[in-house]
Amino acid sequence: MGKAMDFILGWADDDLLGTNTYAFDAAGLAAALPARGMSFSDTRIYESSDAKYSLTMSVSRIV
């Protein structure tokens, strides 16, 4: 049981995406998307000593 818990806790320590909040504030979105139908892409890089990930999101104003 101890080795299994060590593995799970080690995996959680390396969770690059889960430990970083991905959020926009309302004023920033309003400035970037002033009209309906506009959009932008946002790419964030997450890395540690043994891994590097990129996450690209497309953000659109629909109302």
Protein backbone atom coordinates (compact mmCIF):
# COMPACT_ATOMS: atom_id res chain seq x y z
CA MET A 1 0.00 0.00 0.00
CA GLY A 2 2.84 2.40 0.82
CA LYS A 3 4.41 2.14 -2.65
CA ALA A 4 1.05 2.73 -4.30
CA MET A 5 0.45 5.87 -2.24
CA ASP A 6 3.96 7.12 -2.98
CA PHE A 7 3.28 6.63 -6.70
CA ILE A 8 -0.03 8.49 -6.58
CA LEU A 9 1.38 11.35 -4.53
CA GLY A 10 4.39 11.60 -6.85
CA TRP A 11 2.08 11.75 -9.86
CA ALA A 12 0.03 14.51 -8.23
CA ASP A 13 3.20 16.50 -7.54
CA ASP A 14 3.95 16.44 -11.28
CA ASP A 15 0.44 17.54 -12.32
CA LEU A 16 1.41 20.69 -14.21
CA LEU A 17 -2.06 21.57 -15.51
CA GLY A 18 -3.93 20.86 -12.29
CA THR A 19 -1.74 23.16 -10.22
CA ASN A 20 -2.16 26.23 -12.42
CA THR A 21 -5.36 28.22 -12.60
CA TYR A 22 -6.56 29.19 -16.07
CA ALA A 23 -8.80 32.22 -15.73
CA PHE A 24 -9.56 35.55 -17.38
CA ASP A 25 -10.94 38.62 -15.67
CA ALA A 26 -14.06 40.30 -17.04
CA ALA A 27 -12.31 43.56 -17.96
CA GLY A 28 -9.59 41.72 -19.89
CA LEU A 29 -12.17 39.72 -21.85
CA ALA A 30 -14.22 42.84 -22.59
CA ALA A 31 -11.13 44.59 -23.96
CA ALA A 32 -10.02 41.59 -26.05
CA LEU A 33 -13.51 40.78 -27.34
CA PRO A 34 -15.42 44.07 -27.78
CA ALA A 35 -17.98 42.67 -30.25
CA ARG A 36 -19.97 39.48 -30.79
CA GLY A 37 -18.25 37.01 -33.11
CA MET A 38 -14.72 38.03 -32.16
CA SER A 39 -12.26 35.46 -30.85
CA PHE A 40 -8.64 34.92 -29.91
CA SER A 41 -6.35 32.02 -29.10
CA ASP A 42 -4.38 31.80 -25.90
CA THR A 43 -1.50 29.34 -25.47
CA ARG A 44 0.07 28.56 -22.15
CA ILE A 45 3.19 26.49 -21.55
CA TYR A 46 3.56 24.20 -18.56
CA GLU A 47 6.90 22.57 -17.88
CA SER A 48 8.95 20.80 -15.27
CA SER A 49 12.35 19.18 -15.31
CA ASP A 50 11.11 16.21 -17.34
CA ALA A 51 8.05 17.40 -19.25
CA LYS A 52 6.74 20.29 -21.31
CA TYR A 53 3.11 20.75 -22.36
CA SER A 54 1.29 23.45 -24.25
CA LEU A 55 -2.42 24.16 -23.93
CA THR A 56 -4.11 26.30 -26.56
CA MET A 57 -7.63 27.59 -25.98
CA SER A 58 -9.85 29.44 -28.37
CA VAL A 59 -11.95 32.09 -26.62
CA SER A 60 -14.99 33.50 -28.44
CA ARG A 61 -17.65 36.07 -27.66
CA ILE A 62 -21.04 34.71 -28.61
CA VAL A 63 -23.43 37.22 -26.99
